[in-house]
Amino acid sequence: MYYVYVLCNEEGRLYIGYTSDIKRRLTEHNSGKNPSTRSKSSWQLAYCEMFKSKADAQLREKHLKQGQSRRWLKERIQHSIALCRRS
């Protein structure tokens, strides 16, 4: 299985990615192993979608990173983002 995930931090910043092991990937983000999230505060899982196909997960990740889809995503998970900011 492959997962498209959205992480958020206390500042309300989002990171979108895909992986086959979401627990391992979250640990990597919080331990500084990813250059994009290294200098930021701790990250929490805010949203996740599951796919059987790696290609489908990659396409969905790319789609969510684009303008209109990113706006839709922020609206859809606005309460989860707010909870990340409080933590």
PDB file of N, CA and C in Angstrom:
ATOM      1  N   MET A   1       0.841  -1.180   0.000  1.00  0.00           N
ATOM      2  CA  MET A   1       0.000   0.000   0.000  1.00  0.00           C
ATOM      3  C   MET A   1       0.886   1.242   0.000  1.00  0.00           C
ATOM      4  N   TYR A   2       0.340   2.298  -0.589  1.00  0.00           N
ATOM      5  CA  TYR A   2       1.035   3.582  -0.652  1.00  0.00           C
ATOM      6  C   TYR A   2       0.110   4.647  -0.076  1.00  0.00           C
ATOM      7  N   TYR A   3       0.711   5.622   0.560  1.00  0.00           N
ATOM      8  CA  TYR A   3      -0.046   6.656   1.240  1.00  0.00           C
ATOM      9  C   TYR A   3       0.375   8.025   0.739  1.00  0.00           C
ATOM     10  N   VAL A   4      -0.603   8.866   0.462  1.00  0.00           N
ATOM     11  CA  VAL A   4      -0.362  10.286   0.243  1.00  0.00           C
ATOM     12  C   VAL A   4      -0.731  10.933   1.567  1.00  0.00           C
ATOM     13  N   TYR A   5       0.171  11.737   2.106  1.00  0.00           N
ATOM     14  CA  TYR A   5      -0.051  12.280   3.438  1.00  0.00           C
ATOM     15  C   TYR A   5       0.185  13.779   3.462  1.00  0.00           C
ATOM     16  N   VAL A   6      -0.436  14.410   4.439  1.00  0.00           N
ATOM     17  CA  VAL A   6      -0.250  15.837   4.673  1.00  0.00           C
ATOM     18  C   VAL A   6       0.161  15.996   6.124  1.00  0.00           C
ATOM     19  N   LEU A   7       1.292  16.631   6.317  1.00  0.00           N
ATOM     20  CA  LEU A   7       1.766  16.945   7.657  1.00  0.00           C
ATOM     21  C   LEU A   7       1.556  18.429   7.908  1.00  0.00           C
ATOM     22  N   CYS A   8       1.368  18.798   9.166  1.00  0.00           N
ATOM     23  CA  CYS A   8       1.309  20.208   9.517  1.00  0.00           C
ATOM     24  C   CYS A   8       2.108  20.420  10.799  1.00  0.00           C
ATOM     25  N   ASN A   9       2.508  21.684  11.003  1.00  0.00           N
ATOM     26  CA  ASN A   9       3.255  22.013  12.214  1.00  0.00           C
ATOM     27  C   ASN A   9       2.538  23.127  12.977  1.00  0.00           C
ATOM     28  N   GLU A  10       3.131  23.579  14.066  1.00  0.00           N
ATOM     29  CA  GLU A  10       2.508  24.590  14.921  1.00  0.00           C
ATOM     30  C   GLU A  10       2.284  25.909  14.204  1.00  0.00           C
ATOM     31  N   GLU A  11       3.047  26.170  13.156  1.00  0.00           N
ATOM     32  CA  GLU A  11       2.909  27.409  12.391  1.00  0.00           C
ATOM     33  C   GLU A  11       1.799  27.304  11.343  1.00  0.00           C
ATOM     34  N   GLY A  12       1.220  26.126  11.189  1.00  0.00           N
ATOM     35  CA  GLY A  12       0.198  25.914  10.188  1.00  0.00           C
ATOM     36  C   GLY A  12       0.742  25.603   8.809  1.00  0.00           C
ATOM     37  N   ARG A  13       2.057  25.367   8.720  1.00  0.00           N
ATOM     38  CA  ARG A  13       2.668  25.012   7.440  1.00  0.00           C
ATOM     39  C   ARG A  13       2.315  23.575   7.089  1.00  0.00           C
ATOM     40  N   LEU A  14       2.172  23.312   5.803  1.00  0.00           N
ATOM     41  CA  LEU A  14       1.830  21.980   5.336  1.00  0.00           C
ATOM     42  C   LEU A  14       2.962  21.378   4.523  1.00  0.00           C
ATOM     43  N   TYR A  15       3.080  20.069   4.606  1.00  0.00           N
ATOM     44  CA  TYR A  15       4.001  19.308   3.765  1.00  0.00           C
ATOM     45  C   TYR A  15       3.208  18.142   3.190  1.00  0.00           C
ATOM     46  N   ILE A  16       3.276  17.961   1.860  1.00  0.00           N
ATOM     47  CA  ILE A  16       2.557  16.885   1.187  1.00  0.00           C
ATOM     48  C   ILE A  16       3.574  15.918   0.603  1.00  0.00           C
ATOM     49  N   GLY A  17       3.365  14.627   0.830  1.00  0.00           N
ATOM     50  CA  GLY A  17       4.281  13.620   0.299  1.00  0.00           C
ATOM     51  C   GLY A  17       3.571  12.280   0.119  1.00  0.00           C
ATOM     52  N   TYR A  18       4.339  11.284  -0.329  1.00  0.00           N
ATOM     53  CA  TYR A  18       3.798   9.924  -0.430  1.00  0.00           C
ATOM     54  C   TYR A  18       4.850   8.951   0.067  1.00  0.00           C
ATOM     55  N   THR A  19       4.395   7.793   0.520  1.00  0.00           N
ATOM     56  CA  THR A  19       5.288   6.790   1.086  1.00  0.00           C
ATOM     57  C   THR A  19       4.589   5.433   1.134  1.00  0.00           C
ATOM     58  N   SER A  20       5.378   4.407   1.345  1.00  0.00           N
ATOM     59  CA  SER A  20       4.796   3.083   1.575  1.00  0.00           C
ATOM     60  C   SER A  20       4.775   2.749   3.067  1.00  0.00           C
ATOM     61  N   ASP A  21       5.420   3.571   3.882  1.00  0.00           N
ATOM     62  CA  ASP A  21       5.473   3.336   5.334  1.00  0.00           C
ATOM     63  C   ASP A  21       5.302   4.676   6.044  1.00  0.00           C
ATOM     64  N   ILE A  22       4.082   4.991   6.389  1.00  0.00           N
ATOM     65  CA  ILE A  22       3.786   6.319   6.914  1.00  0.00           C
ATOM     66  C   ILE A  22       4.392   6.574   8.302  1.00  0.00           C
ATOM     67  N   LYS A  23       4.435   5.561   9.159  1.00  0.00           N
ATOM     68  CA  LYS A  23       5.032   5.744  10.494  1.00  0.00           C
ATOM     69  C   LYS A  23       6.523   6.051  10.390  1.00  0.00           C
ATOM     70  N   ARG A  24       7.225   5.290   9.548  1.00  0.00           N
ATOM     71  CA  ARG A  24       8.655   5.528   9.352  1.00  0.00           C
ATOM     72  C   ARG A  24       8.900   6.919   8.778  1.00  0.00           C
ATOM     73  N   ARG A  25       8.070   7.306   7.814  1.00  0.00           N
ATOM     74  CA  ARG A  25       8.252   8.592   7.148  1.00  0.00           C
ATOM     75  C   ARG A  25       8.028   9.750   8.106  1.00  0.00           C
ATOM     76  N   LEU A  26       7.029   9.664   8.974  1.00  0.00           N
ATOM     77  CA  LEU A  26       6.785  10.715   9.951  1.00  0.00           C
ATOM     78  C   LEU A  26       7.969  10.839  10.909  1.00  0.00           C
ATOM     79  N   THR A  27       8.512   9.702  11.322  1.00  0.00           N
ATOM     80  CA  THR A  27       9.702   9.714  12.184  1.00  0.00           C
ATOM     81  C   THR A  27      10.870  10.392  11.475  1.00  0.00           C
ATOM     82  N   GLU A  28      11.061  10.108  10.201  1.00  0.00           N
ATOM     83  CA  GLU A  28      12.140  10.740   9.423  1.00  0.00           C
ATOM     84  C   GLU A  28      11.951  12.253   9.341  1.00  0.00           C
ATOM     85  N   HIS A  29      10.728  12.696   9.128  1.00  0.00           N
ATOM     86  CA  HIS A  29      10.470  14.146   9.064  1.00  0.00           C
ATOM     87  C   HIS A  29      10.805  14.810  10.389  1.00  0.00           C
ATOM     88  N   ASN A  30      10.422  14.174  11.487  1.00  0.00           N
ATOM     89  CA  ASN A  30      10.646  14.785  12.796  1.00  0.00           C
ATOM     90  C   ASN A  30      12.065  14.617  13.320  1.00  0.00           C
ATOM     91  N   SER A  31      12.861  13.769  12.688  1.00  0.00           N
ATOM     92  CA  SER A  31      14.252  13.605  13.136  1.00  0.00           C
ATOM     93  C   SER A  31      15.231  14.350  12.220  1.00  0.00           C
ATOM     94  N   GLY A  32      14.714  15.150  11.303  1.00  0.00           N
ATOM     95  CA  GLY A  32      15.579  15.988  10.469  1.00  0.00           C
ATOM     96  C   GLY A  32      16.172  15.303   9.259  1.00  0.00           C
ATOM     97  N   LYS A  33      15.640  14.170   8.847  1.00  0.00           N
ATOM     98  CA  LYS A  33      16.194  13.447   7.708  1.00  0.00           C
ATOM     99  C   LYS A  33      15.660  13.941   6.366  1.00  0.00           C
ATOM    100  N   ASN A  34      14.680  14.837   6.388  1.00  0.00           N
ATOM    101  CA  ASN A  34      14.135  15.410   5.165  1.00  0.00           C
ATOM    102  C   ASN A  34      14.515  16.882   5.095  1.00  0.00           C
ATOM    103  N   PRO A  35      15.236  17.304   4.047  1.00  0.00           N
ATOM    104  CA  PRO A  35      15.672  18.700   3.952  1.00  0.00           C
ATOM    105  C   PRO A  35      14.515  19.707   3.979  1.00  0.00           C
ATOM    106  N   SER A  36      13.371  19.342   3.437  1.00  0.00           N
ATOM    107  CA  SER A  36      12.233  20.272   3.377  1.00  0.00           C
ATOM    108  C   SER A  36      11.602  20.537   4.729  1.00  0.00           C
ATOM    109  N   THR A  37      11.741  19.624   5.659  1.00  0.00           N
ATOM    110  CA  THR A  37      11.110  19.787   6.969  1.00  0.00           C
ATOM    111  C   THR A  37      12.123  19.856   8.112  1.00  0.00           C
ATOM    112  N   ARG A  38      13.385  19.819   7.774  1.00  0.00           N
ATOM    113  CA  ARG A  38      14.444  19.744   8.793  1.00  0.00           C
ATOM    114  C   ARG A  38      14.439  20.934   9.752  1.00  0.00           C
ATOM    115  N   SER A  39      14.359  22.137   9.230  1.00  0.00           N
ATOM    116  CA  SER A  39      14.516  23.320  10.082  1.00  0.00           C
ATOM    117  C   SER A  39      13.214  23.770  10.730  1.00  0.00           C
ATOM    118  N   LYS A  40      12.144  23.093  10.475  1.00  0.00           N
ATOM    119  CA  LYS A  40      10.848  23.477  11.039  1.00  0.00           C
ATOM    120  C   LYS A  40      10.606  22.716  12.343  1.00  0.00           C
ATOM    121  N   SER A  41       9.553  23.134  13.042  1.00  0.00           N
ATOM    122  CA  SER A  41       9.215  22.470  14.299  1.00  0.00           C
ATOM    123  C   SER A  41       8.625  21.085  14.033  1.00  0.00           C
ATOM    124  N   SER A  42       8.163  20.422  15.070  1.00  0.00           N
ATOM    125  CA  SER A  42       7.681  19.051  14.905  1.00  0.00           C
ATOM    126  C   SER A  42       6.440  18.991  14.010  1.00  0.00           C
ATOM    127  N   TRP A  43       6.327  17.899  13.285  1.00  0.00           N
ATOM    128  CA  TRP A  43       5.261  17.693  12.311  1.00  0.00           C
ATOM    129  C   TRP A  43       4.284  16.646  12.815  1.00  0.00           C
ATOM    130  N   GLN A  44       3.000  16.833  12.489  1.00  0.00           N
ATOM    131  CA  GLN A  44       1.948  15.899  12.855  1.00  0.00           C
ATOM    132  C   GLN A  44       1.183  15.513  11.601  1.00  0.00           C
ATOM    133  N   LEU A  45       0.671  14.298  11.583  1.00  0.00           N
ATOM    134  CA  LEU A  45      -0.142  13.845  10.468  1.00  0.00           C
ATOM    135  C   LEU A  45      -1.510  14.512  10.551  1.00  0.00           C
ATOM    136  N   ALA A  46      -1.904  15.201   9.469  1.00  0.00           N
ATOM    137  CA  ALA A  46      -3.194  15.884   9.433  1.00  0.00           C
ATOM    138  C   ALA A  46      -4.180  15.200   8.497  1.00  0.00           C
ATOM    139  N   TYR A  47      -3.653  14.482   7.471  1.00  0.00           N
ATOM    140  CA  TYR A  47      -4.525  13.902   6.454  1.00  0.00           C
ATOM    141  C   TYR A  47      -3.763  12.803   5.737  1.00  0.00           C
ATOM    142  N   CYS A  48      -4.509  11.785   5.289  1.00  0.00           N
ATOM    143  CA  CYS A  48      -3.863  10.664   4.608  1.00  0.00           C
ATOM    144  C   CYS A  48      -4.860   9.996   3.661  1.00  0.00           C
ATOM    145  N   GLU A  49      -4.376   9.576   2.499  1.00  0.00           N
ATOM    146  CA  GLU A  49      -5.153   8.780   1.550  1.00  0.00           C
ATOM    147  C   GLU A  49      -4.338   7.535   1.228  1.00  0.00           C
ATOM    148  N   MET A  50      -5.013   6.415   0.967  1.00  0.00           N
ATOM    149  CA  MET A  50      -4.331   5.141   0.738  1.00  0.00           C
ATOM    150  C   MET A  50      -4.592   4.657  -0.693  1.00  0.00           C
ATOM    151  N   PHE A  51      -3.529   4.107  -1.317  1.00  0.00           N
ATOM    152  CA  PHE A  51      -3.612   3.603  -2.688  1.00  0.00           C
ATOM    153  C   PHE A  51      -2.904   2.258  -2.792  1.00  0.00           C
ATOM    154  N   LYS A  52      -3.400   1.387  -3.652  1.00  0.00           N
ATOM    155  CA  LYS A  52      -2.702   0.131  -3.951  1.00  0.00           C
ATOM    156  C   LYS A  52      -1.540   0.382  -4.900  1.00  0.00           C
ATOM    157  N   SER A  53      -1.707   1.347  -5.804  1.00  0.00           N
ATOM    158  CA  SER A  53      -0.737   1.614  -6.852  1.00  0.00           C
ATOM    159  C   SER A  53       0.186   2.772  -6.488  1.00  0.00           C
ATOM    160  N   LYS A  54       1.480   2.554  -6.631  1.00  0.00           N
ATOM    161  CA  LYS A  54       2.461   3.614  -6.412  1.00  0.00           C
ATOM    162  C   LYS A  54       2.233   4.750  -7.398  1.00  0.00           C
ATOM    163  N   ALA A  55       1.938   4.416  -8.647  1.00  0.00           N
ATOM    164  CA  ALA A  55       1.709   5.438  -9.676  1.00  0.00           C
ATOM    165  C   ALA A  55       0.511   6.319  -9.318  1.00  0.00           C
ATOM    166  N   ASP A  56      -0.550   5.712  -8.798  1.00  0.00           N
ATOM    167  CA  ASP A  56      -1.722   6.495  -8.388  1.00  0.00           C
ATOM    168  C   ASP A  56      -1.371   7.435  -7.235  1.00  0.00           C
ATOM    169  N   ALA A  57      -0.598   6.955  -6.281  1.00  0.00           N
ATOM    170  CA  ALA A  57      -0.184   7.788  -5.148  1.00  0.00           C
ATOM    171  C   ALA A  57       0.671   8.960  -5.626  1.00  0.00           C
ATOM    172  N   GLN A  58       1.590   8.708  -6.539  1.00  0.00           N
ATOM    173  CA  GLN A  58       2.439   9.776  -7.068  1.00  0.00           C
ATOM    174  C   GLN A  58       1.617  10.827  -7.808  1.00  0.00           C
ATOM    175  N   LEU A  59       0.645  10.384  -8.599  1.00  0.00           N
ATOM    176  CA  LEU A  59      -0.216  11.329  -9.315  1.00  0.00           C
ATOM    177  C   LEU A  59      -1.044  12.167  -8.350  1.00  0.00           C
ATOM    178  N   ARG A  60      -1.569  11.532  -7.308  1.00  0.00           N
ATOM    179  CA  ARG A  60      -2.379  12.255  -6.326  1.00  0.00           C
ATOM    180  C   ARG A  60      -1.536  13.266  -5.561  1.00  0.00           C
ATOM    181  N   GLU A  61      -0.314  12.889  -5.191  1.00  0.00           N
ATOM    182  CA  GLU A  61       0.585  13.826  -4.507  1.00  0.00           C
ATOM    183  C   GLU A  61       0.822  15.046  -5.386  1.00  0.00           C
ATOM    184  N   LYS A  62       1.143  14.823  -6.634  1.00  0.00           N
ATOM    185  CA  LYS A  62       1.399  15.920  -7.574  1.00  0.00           C
ATOM    186  C   LYS A  62       0.169  16.815  -7.704  1.00  0.00           C
ATOM    187  N   HIS A  63      -1.001  16.202  -7.799  1.00  0.00           N
ATOM    188  CA  HIS A  63      -2.253  16.940  -7.928  1.00  0.00           C
ATOM    189  C   HIS A  63      -2.510  17.812  -6.705  1.00  0.00           C
ATOM    190  N   LEU A  64      -2.298  17.266  -5.500  1.00  0.00           N
ATOM    191  CA  LEU A  64      -2.550  18.018  -4.271  1.00  0.00           C
ATOM    192  C   LEU A  64      -1.583  19.178  -4.081  1.00  0.00           C
ATOM    193  N   LYS A  65      -0.442  19.140  -4.718  1.00  0.00           N
ATOM    194  CA  LYS A  65       0.533  20.214  -4.585  1.00  0.00           C
ATOM    195  C   LYS A  65       0.232  21.399  -5.498  1.00  0.00           C
ATOM    196  N   GLN A  66      -0.741  21.252  -6.385  1.00  0.00           N
ATOM    197  CA  GLN A  66      -1.090  22.329  -7.316  1.00  0.00           C
ATOM    198  C   GLN A  66      -2.122  23.267  -6.706  1.00  0.00           C
ATOM    199  N   GLY A  67      -2.192  24.493  -7.218  1.00  0.00           N
ATOM    200  CA  GLY A  67      -2.993  25.589  -6.686  1.00  0.00           C
ATOM    201  C   GLY A  67      -4.401  25.280  -6.246  1.00  0.00           C
ATOM    202  N   GLN A  68      -5.297  24.972  -7.160  1.00  0.00           N
ATOM    203  CA  GLN A  68      -6.706  24.771  -6.823  1.00  0.00           C
ATOM    204  C   GLN A  68      -6.888  23.590  -5.866  1.00  0.00           C
ATOM    205  N   SER A  69      -6.188  22.502  -6.119  1.00  0.00           N
ATOM    206  CA  SER A  69      -6.304  21.326  -5.251  1.00  0.00           C
ATOM    207  C   SER A  69      -5.757  21.613  -3.867  1.00  0.00           C
ATOM    208  N   ARG A  70      -4.683  22.382  -3.784  1.00  0.00           N
ATOM    209  CA  ARG A  70      -4.105  22.737  -2.489  1.00  0.00           C
ATOM    210  C   ARG A  70      -5.092  23.582  -1.681  1.00  0.00           C
ATOM    211  N   ARG A  71      -5.771  24.518  -2.349  1.00  0.00           N
ATOM    212  CA  ARG A  71      -6.788  25.332  -1.671  1.00  0.00           C
ATOM    213  C   ARG A  71      -7.937  24.450  -1.172  1.00  0.00           C
ATOM    214  N   TRP A  72      -8.386  23.520  -2.031  1.00  0.00           N
ATOM    215  CA  TRP A  72      -9.458  22.607  -1.641  1.00  0.00           C
ATOM    216  C   TRP A  72      -9.030  21.782  -0.421  1.00  0.00           C
ATOM    217  N   LEU A  73      -7.798  21.298  -0.456  1.00  0.00           N
ATOM    218  CA  LEU A  73      -7.288  20.483   0.650  1.00  0.00           C
ATOM    219  C   LEU A  73      -7.282  21.283   1.950  1.00  0.00           C
ATOM    220  N   LYS A  74      -6.801  22.520   1.907  1.00  0.00           N
ATOM    221  CA  LYS A  74      -6.765  23.349   3.109  1.00  0.00           C
ATOM    222  C   LYS A  74      -8.161  23.572   3.677  1.00  0.00           C
ATOM    223  N   GLU A  75      -9.130  23.759   2.803  1.00  0.00           N
ATOM    224  CA  GLU A  75     -10.509  23.919   3.270  1.00  0.00           C
ATOM    225  C   GLU A  75     -11.018  22.626   3.899  1.00  0.00           C
ATOM    226  N   ARG A  76     -10.704  21.516   3.275  1.00  0.00           N
ATOM    227  CA  ARG A  76     -11.198  20.219   3.746  1.00  0.00           C
ATOM    228  C   ARG A  76     -10.625  19.852   5.120  1.00  0.00           C
ATOM    229  N   ILE A  77      -9.382  20.193   5.373  1.00  0.00           N
ATOM    230  CA  ILE A  77      -8.743  19.786   6.634  1.00  0.00           C
ATOM    231  C   ILE A  77      -8.478  20.978   7.560  1.00  0.00           C
ATOM    232  N   GLN A  78      -9.239  22.041   7.419  1.00  0.00           N
ATOM    233  CA  GLN A  78      -9.001  23.255   8.201  1.00  0.00           C
ATOM    234  C   GLN A  78      -9.026  23.009   9.715  1.00  0.00           C
ATOM    235  N   HIS A  79      -9.891  22.138  10.189  1.00  0.00           N
ATOM    236  CA  HIS A  79      -9.967  21.872  11.630  1.00  0.00           C
ATOM    237  C   HIS A  79      -8.754  21.062  12.102  1.00  0.00           C
ATOM    238  N   SER A  80      -8.272  20.160  11.265  1.00  0.00           N
ATOM    239  CA  SER A  80      -7.062  19.397  11.607  1.00  0.00           C
ATOM    240  C   SER A  80      -5.847  20.322  11.663  1.00  0.00           C
ATOM    241  N   ILE A  81      -5.778  21.273  10.738  1.00  0.00           N
ATOM    242  CA  ILE A  81      -4.681  22.247  10.753  1.00  0.00           C
ATOM    243  C   ILE A  81      -4.738  23.082  12.020  1.00  0.00           C
ATOM    244  N   ALA A  82      -5.929  23.476  12.419  1.00  0.00           N
ATOM    245  CA  ALA A  82      -6.094  24.258  13.653  1.00  0.00           C
ATOM    246  C   ALA A  82      -5.614  23.455  14.871  1.00  0.00           C
ATOM    247  N   LEU A  83      -5.905  22.178  14.902  1.00  0.00           N
ATOM    248  CA  LEU A  83      -5.433  21.330  16.017  1.00  0.00           C
ATOM    249  C   LEU A  83      -3.921  21.235  16.037  1.00  0.00           C
ATOM    250  N   CYS A  84      -3.284  21.177  14.877  1.00  0.00           N
ATOM    251  CA  CYS A  84      -1.816  21.153  14.821  1.00  0.00           C
ATOM    252  C   CYS A  84      -1.234  22.422  15.407  1.00  0.00           C
ATOM    253  N   ARG A  85      -1.869  23.534  15.146  1.00  0.00           N
ATOM    254  CA  ARG A  85      -1.373  24.825  15.645  1.00  0.00           C
ATOM    255  C   ARG A  85      -1.466  24.925  17.151  1.00  0.00           C
ATOM    256  N   ARG A  86      -2.418  24.246  17.736  1.00  0.00           N
ATOM    257  CA  ARG A  86      -2.599  24.288  19.200  1.00  0.00           C
ATOM    258  C   ARG A  86      -1.644  23.371  19.934  1.00  0.00           C
ATOM    259  N   SER A  87      -1.113  22.397  19.244  1.00  0.00           N
ATOM    260  CA  SER A  87      -0.257  21.383  19.901  1.00  0.00           C
ATOM    261  C   SER A  87       1.132  21.894  20.159  1.00  0.00           C
TER     262      SER A  87
END
